[in-house]
């Protein structure tokens, strides 16, 4: 199996391991509101949104999302 194919097959499994809250955050990040708006919507700190946003970007570049 190629590395690319392996990443594709891992994507659904990786997403399936996310909590409901993490999935909510990813959905909001993909819709494009500001980090402040996401933080307000989910009642979490903007710092938490920033951290998760960076993790989301990394996951996308690695083919996990």
PDB file of N, CA and C in Angstrom:
ATOM      1  N   UNK A   1       0.841  -1.170   0.000  1.00  0.00           N
ATOM      2  CA  UNK A   1       0.000   0.000   0.000  1.00  0.00           C
ATOM      3  C   UNK A   1       0.893   1.241   0.000  1.00  0.00           C
ATOM      4  N   UNK A   2       0.544   2.245  -0.804  1.00  0.00           N
ATOM      5  CA  UNK A   2       1.342   3.464  -0.845  1.00  0.00           C
ATOM      6  C   UNK A   2       1.053   4.307   0.379  1.00  0.00           C
ATOM      7  N   UNK A   3       1.962   5.235   0.667  1.00  0.00           N
ATOM      8  CA  UNK A   3       1.777   6.107   1.826  1.00  0.00           C
ATOM      9  C   UNK A   3       0.506   6.926   1.668  1.00  0.00           C
ATOM     10  N   UNK A   4       0.250   7.418   0.445  1.00  0.00           N
ATOM     11  CA  UNK A   4      -0.938   8.221   0.193  1.00  0.00           C
ATOM     12  C   UNK A   4      -2.204   7.400   0.426  1.00  0.00           C
ATOM     13  N   UNK A   5      -2.235   6.183  -0.075  1.00  0.00           N
ATOM     14  CA  UNK A   5      -3.396   5.323   0.119  1.00  0.00           C
ATOM     15  C   UNK A   5      -3.600   5.028   1.601  1.00  0.00           C
ATOM     16  N   UNK A   6      -2.517   4.848   2.335  1.00  0.00           N
ATOM     17  CA  UNK A   6      -2.611   4.598   3.770  1.00  0.00           C
ATOM     18  C   UNK A   6      -3.237   5.769   4.497  1.00  0.00           C
ATOM     19  N   UNK A   7      -2.860   6.976   4.118  1.00  0.00           N
ATOM     20  CA  UNK A   7      -3.413   8.171   4.750  1.00  0.00           C
ATOM     21  C   UNK A   7      -4.907   8.270   4.466  1.00  0.00           C
ATOM     22  N   UNK A   8      -5.308   7.943   3.235  1.00  0.00           N
ATOM     23  CA  UNK A   8      -6.719   8.006   2.885  1.00  0.00           C
ATOM     24  C   UNK A   8      -7.523   7.003   3.691  1.00  0.00           C
ATOM     25  N   UNK A   9      -6.993   5.807   3.887  1.00  0.00           N
ATOM     26  CA  UNK A   9      -7.733   4.793   4.628  1.00  0.00           C
ATOM     27  C   UNK A   9      -7.778   5.115   6.118  1.00  0.00           C
ATOM     28  N   UNK A  10      -6.846   5.902   6.623  1.00  0.00           N
ATOM     29  CA  UNK A  10      -6.830   6.289   8.032  1.00  0.00           C
ATOM     30  C   UNK A  10      -7.784   7.436   8.322  1.00  0.00           C
ATOM     31  N   UNK A  11      -8.117   8.227   7.322  1.00  0.00           N
ATOM     32  CA  UNK A  11      -8.931   9.417   7.544  1.00  0.00           C
ATOM     33  C   UNK A  11     -10.251   9.115   8.242  1.00  0.00           C
ATOM     34  N   UNK A  12     -11.080   8.197   7.734  1.00  0.00           N
ATOM     35  CA  UNK A  12     -12.341   7.947   8.433  1.00  0.00           C
ATOM     36  C   UNK A  12     -12.124   7.455   9.858  1.00  0.00           C
ATOM     37  N   UNK A  13     -11.130   6.631  10.084  1.00  0.00           N
ATOM     38  CA  UNK A  13     -10.858   6.133  11.425  1.00  0.00           C
ATOM     39  C   UNK A  13     -10.443   7.278  12.339  1.00  0.00           C
ATOM     40  N   UNK A  14      -9.612   8.181  11.841  1.00  0.00           N
ATOM     41  CA  UNK A  14      -9.159   9.312  12.652  1.00  0.00           C
ATOM     42  C   UNK A  14     -10.328  10.222  13.012  1.00  0.00           C
ATOM     43  N   UNK A  15     -11.194  10.499  12.052  1.00  0.00           N
ATOM     44  CA  UNK A  15     -12.350  11.353  12.322  1.00  0.00           C
ATOM     45  C   UNK A  15     -13.296  10.663  13.293  1.00  0.00           C
ATOM     46  N   UNK A  16     -13.441   9.358  13.161  1.00  0.00           N
ATOM     47  CA  UNK A  16     -14.321   8.606  14.042  1.00  0.00           C
ATOM     48  C   UNK A  16     -13.877   8.630  15.495  1.00  0.00           C
ATOM     49  N   UNK A  17     -12.611   8.881  15.733  1.00  0.00           N
ATOM     50  CA  UNK A  17     -12.083   8.913  17.099  1.00  0.00           C
ATOM     51  C   UNK A  17     -12.269  10.266  17.770  1.00  0.00           C
ATOM     52  N   UNK A  18     -12.715  11.259  17.025  1.00  0.00           N
ATOM     53  CA  UNK A  18     -12.916  12.584  17.598  1.00  0.00           C
ATOM     54  C   UNK A  18     -14.160  12.603  18.483  1.00  0.00           C
ATOM     55  N   UNK A  19     -14.102  13.420  19.525  1.00  0.00           N
ATOM     56  CA  UNK A  19     -15.272  13.587  20.380  1.00  0.00           C
ATOM     57  C   UNK A  19     -16.314  14.436  19.647  1.00  0.00           C
ATOM     58  N   UNK A  20     -17.527  14.430  20.165  1.00  0.00           N
ATOM     59  CA  UNK A  20     -18.587  15.251  19.576  1.00  0.00           C
ATOM     60  C   UNK A  20     -18.156  16.722  19.554  1.00  0.00           C
ATOM     61  N   UNK A  21     -17.531  17.161  20.619  1.00  0.00           N
ATOM     62  CA  UNK A  21     -17.098  18.556  20.736  1.00  0.00           C
ATOM     63  C   UNK A  21     -16.023  18.890  19.693  1.00  0.00           C
ATOM     64  N   UNK A  22     -15.080  17.964  19.501  1.00  0.00           N
ATOM     65  CA  UNK A  22     -14.032  18.175  18.508  1.00  0.00           C
ATOM     66  C   UNK A  22     -14.626  18.247  17.103  1.00  0.00           C
ATOM     67  N   UNK A  23     -15.620  17.421  16.824  1.00  0.00           N
ATOM     68  CA  UNK A  23     -16.284  17.464  15.521  1.00  0.00           C
ATOM     69  C   UNK A  23     -17.010  18.786  15.324  1.00  0.00           C
ATOM     70  N   UNK A  24     -17.659  19.283  16.387  1.00  0.00           N
ATOM     71  CA  UNK A  24     -18.332  20.582  16.307  1.00  0.00           C
ATOM     72  C   UNK A  24     -17.327  21.678  15.947  1.00  0.00           C
ATOM     73  N   UNK A  25     -16.193  21.646  16.593  1.00  0.00           N
ATOM     74  CA  UNK A  25     -15.161  22.638  16.346  1.00  0.00           C
ATOM     75  C   UNK A  25     -14.664  22.561  14.905  1.00  0.00           C
ATOM     76  N   UNK A  26     -14.413  21.361  14.406  1.00  0.00           N
ATOM     77  CA  UNK A  26     -13.958  21.206  13.017  1.00  0.00           C
ATOM     78  C   UNK A  26     -14.988  21.727  12.023  1.00  0.00           C
ATOM     79  N   UNK A  27     -16.248  21.442  12.289  1.00  0.00           N
ATOM     80  CA  UNK A  27     -17.311  21.932  11.397  1.00  0.00           C
ATOM     81  C   UNK A  27     -17.298  23.447  11.365  1.00  0.00           C
ATOM     82  N   UNK A  28     -17.200  24.072  12.537  1.00  0.00           N
ATOM     83  CA  UNK A  28     -17.171  25.538  12.586  1.00  0.00           C
ATOM     84  C   UNK A  28     -15.914  26.094  11.916  1.00  0.00           C
ATOM     85  N   UNK A  29     -14.765  25.459  12.140  1.00  0.00           N
ATOM     86  CA  UNK A  29     -13.529  25.926  11.504  1.00  0.00           C
ATOM     87  C   UNK A  29     -13.659  25.893   9.987  1.00  0.00           C
ATOM     88  N   UNK A  30     -14.307  24.861   9.465  1.00  0.00           N
ATOM     89  CA  UNK A  30     -14.460  24.730   8.019  1.00  0.00           C
ATOM     90  C   UNK A  30     -15.460  25.724   7.445  1.00  0.00           C
ATOM     91  N   UNK A  31     -16.403  26.203   8.268  1.00  0.00           N
ATOM     92  CA  UNK A  31     -17.380  27.189   7.800  1.00  0.00           C
ATOM     93  C   UNK A  31     -16.772  28.589   7.694  1.00  0.00           C
ATOM     94  N   UNK A  32     -15.696  28.835   8.460  1.00  0.00           N
ATOM     95  CA  UNK A  32     -14.950  30.070   8.303  1.00  0.00           C
ATOM     96  C   UNK A  32     -15.214  31.241   9.222  1.00  0.00           C
ATOM     97  N   UNK A  33     -16.011  31.108  10.292  1.00  0.00           N
ATOM     98  CA  UNK A  33     -16.140  32.272  11.182  1.00  0.00           C
ATOM     99  C   UNK A  33     -14.824  32.535  11.912  1.00  0.00           C
ATOM    100  N   UNK A  34     -14.733  33.687  12.534  1.00  0.00           N
ATOM    101  CA  UNK A  34     -13.510  34.028  13.259  1.00  0.00           C
ATOM    102  C   UNK A  34     -13.342  33.101  14.462  1.00  0.00           C
ATOM    103  N   UNK A  35     -12.109  32.981  14.914  1.00  0.00           N
ATOM    104  CA  UNK A  35     -11.838  32.163  16.096  1.00  0.00           C
ATOM    105  C   UNK A  35     -12.597  32.684  17.309  1.00  0.00           C
ATOM    106  N   UNK A  36     -12.736  34.001  17.404  1.00  0.00           N
ATOM    107  CA  UNK A  36     -13.489  34.606  18.517  1.00  0.00           C
ATOM    108  C   UNK A  36     -14.948  34.163  18.461  1.00  0.00           C
ATOM    109  N   UNK A  37     -15.546  34.174  17.256  1.00  0.00           N
ATOM    110  CA  UNK A  37     -16.943  33.750  17.107  1.00  0.00           C
ATOM    111  C   UNK A  37     -17.112  32.275  17.452  1.00  0.00           C
ATOM    112  N   UNK A  38     -16.155  31.451  17.032  1.00  0.00           N
ATOM    113  CA  UNK A  38     -16.208  30.025  17.359  1.00  0.00           C
ATOM    114  C   UNK A  38     -16.113  29.836  18.870  1.00  0.00           C
ATOM    115  N   UNK A  39     -15.195  30.551  19.499  1.00  0.00           N
ATOM    116  CA  UNK A  39     -15.019  30.450  20.950  1.00  0.00           C
ATOM    117  C   UNK A  39     -16.310  30.836  21.671  1.00  0.00           C
ATOM    118  N   UNK A  40     -16.931  31.909  21.234  1.00  0.00           N
ATOM    119  CA  UNK A  40     -18.186  32.342  21.842  1.00  0.00           C
ATOM    120  C   UNK A  40     -19.281  31.296  21.642  1.00  0.00           C
ATOM    121  N   UNK A  41     -19.361  30.763  20.431  1.00  0.00           N
ATOM    122  CA  UNK A  41     -20.386  29.773  20.094  1.00  0.00           C
ATOM    123  C   UNK A  41     -20.250  28.512  20.938  1.00  0.00           C
ATOM    124  N   UNK A  42     -19.026  28.037  21.125  1.00  0.00           N
ATOM    125  CA  UNK A  42     -18.787  26.799  21.863  1.00  0.00           C
ATOM    126  C   UNK A  42     -18.512  27.027  23.350  1.00  0.00           C
ATOM    127  N   UNK A  43     -18.467  28.293  23.745  1.00  0.00           N
ATOM    128  CA  UNK A  43     -18.184  28.676  25.131  1.00  0.00           C
ATOM    129  C   UNK A  43     -16.856  28.088  25.605  1.00  0.00           C
ATOM    130  N   UNK A  44     -15.828  28.306  24.785  1.00  0.00           N
ATOM    131  CA  UNK A  44     -14.458  27.917  25.115  1.00  0.00           C
ATOM    132  C   UNK A  44     -13.571  29.135  24.879  1.00  0.00           C
ATOM    133  N   UNK A  45     -12.322  29.051  25.300  1.00  0.00           N
ATOM    134  CA  UNK A  45     -11.433  30.190  25.123  1.00  0.00           C
ATOM    135  C   UNK A  45     -10.965  30.288  23.669  1.00  0.00           C
ATOM    136  N   UNK A  46     -10.647  31.496  23.275  1.00  0.00           N
ATOM    137  CA  UNK A  46     -10.113  31.704  21.924  1.00  0.00           C
ATOM    138  C   UNK A  46      -8.773  30.981  21.773  1.00  0.00           C
ATOM    139  N   UNK A  47      -8.010  30.898  22.857  1.00  0.00           N
ATOM    140  CA  UNK A  47      -6.739  30.171  22.837  1.00  0.00           C
ATOM    141  C   UNK A  47      -6.971  28.700  22.465  1.00  0.00           C
ATOM    142  N   UNK A  48      -8.009  28.094  23.026  1.00  0.00           N
ATOM    143  CA  UNK A  48      -8.329  26.697  22.705  1.00  0.00           C
ATOM    144  C   UNK A  48      -8.666  26.560  21.229  1.00  0.00           C
ATOM    145  N   UNK A  49      -9.439  27.487  20.705  1.00  0.00           N
ATOM    146  CA  UNK A  49      -9.784  27.452  19.277  1.00  0.00           C
ATOM    147  C   UNK A  49      -8.519  27.573  18.433  1.00  0.00           C
ATOM    148  N   UNK A  50      -7.627  28.489  18.792  1.00  0.00           N
ATOM    149  CA  UNK A  50      -6.387  28.661  18.038  1.00  0.00           C
ATOM    150  C   UNK A  50      -5.562  27.380  18.030  1.00  0.00           C
ATOM    151  N   UNK A  51      -5.461  26.740  19.180  1.00  0.00           N
ATOM    152  CA  UNK A  51      -4.695  25.489  19.277  1.00  0.00           C
ATOM    153  C   UNK A  51      -5.309  24.410  18.404  1.00  0.00           C
ATOM    154  N   UNK A  52      -6.613  24.273  18.473  1.00  0.00           N
ATOM    155  CA  UNK A  52      -7.303  23.235  17.703  1.00  0.00           C
ATOM    156  C   UNK A  52      -7.271  23.558  16.212  1.00  0.00           C
ATOM    157  N   UNK A  53      -7.286  24.828  15.896  1.00  0.00           N
ATOM    158  CA  UNK A  53      -7.207  25.236  14.490  1.00  0.00           C
ATOM    159  C   UNK A  53      -5.877  24.806  13.886  1.00  0.00           C
ATOM    160  N   UNK A  54      -4.807  24.975  14.634  1.00  0.00           N
ATOM    161  CA  UNK A  54      -3.494  24.542  14.164  1.00  0.00           C
ATOM    162  C   UNK A  54      -3.447  23.030  14.003  1.00  0.00           C
ATOM    163  N   UNK A  55      -4.051  22.303  14.924  1.00  0.00           N
ATOM    164  CA  UNK A  55      -4.085  20.836  14.838  1.00  0.00           C
ATOM    165  C   UNK A  55      -4.919  20.399  13.634  1.00  0.00           C
ATOM    166  N   UNK A  56      -5.999  21.100  13.387  1.00  0.00           N
ATOM    167  CA  UNK A  56      -6.849  20.787  12.237  1.00  0.00           C
ATOM    168  C   UNK A  56      -6.086  20.990  10.931  1.00  0.00           C
ATOM    169  N   UNK A  57      -5.346  22.079  10.856  1.00  0.00           N
ATOM    170  CA  UNK A  57      -4.547  22.349   9.652  1.00  0.00           C
ATOM    171  C   UNK A  57      -3.516  21.246   9.432  1.00  0.00           C
ATOM    172  N   UNK A  58      -2.858  20.835  10.486  1.00  0.00           N
ATOM    173  CA  UNK A  58      -1.875  19.769  10.386  1.00  0.00           C
ATOM    174  C   UNK A  58      -2.525  18.461   9.919  1.00  0.00           C
ATOM    175  N   UNK A  59      -3.674  18.143  10.476  1.00  0.00           N
ATOM    176  CA  UNK A  59      -4.383  16.916  10.090  1.00  0.00           C
ATOM    177  C   UNK A  59      -4.765  16.951   8.612  1.00  0.00           C
ATOM    178  N   UNK A  60      -5.203  18.112   8.130  1.00  0.00           N
ATOM    179  CA  UNK A  60      -5.557  18.229   6.693  1.00  0.00           C
ATOM    180  C   UNK A  60      -4.333  18.061   5.819  1.00  0.00           C
ATOM    181  N   UNK A  61      -3.209  18.658   6.201  1.00  0.00           N
ATOM    182  CA  UNK A  61      -2.012  18.554   5.370  1.00  0.00           C
ATOM    183  C   UNK A  61      -1.452  17.147   5.369  1.00  0.00           C
ATOM    184  N   UNK A  62      -1.783  16.361   6.401  1.00  0.00           N
ATOM    185  CA  UNK A  62      -1.328  14.977   6.476  1.00  0.00           C
ATOM    186  C   UNK A  62      -2.345  14.021   5.866  1.00  0.00           C
ATOM    187  N   UNK A  63      -3.449  14.565   5.324  1.00  0.00           N
ATOM    188  CA  UNK A  63      -4.448  13.739   4.679  1.00  0.00           C
ATOM    189  C   UNK A  63      -5.376  13.014   5.628  1.00  0.00           C
ATOM    190  N   UNK A  64      -5.437  13.453   6.873  1.00  0.00           N
ATOM    191  CA  UNK A  64      -6.303  12.784   7.853  1.00  0.00           C
ATOM    192  C   UNK A  64      -7.717  13.347   7.848  1.00  0.00           C
ATOM    193  N   UNK A  65      -7.884  14.541   7.299  1.00  0.00           N
ATOM    194  CA  UNK A  65      -9.216  15.160   7.228  1.00  0.00           C
ATOM    195  C   UNK A  65      -9.491  15.616   5.826  1.00  0.00           C
TER     196      UNK A  65
END
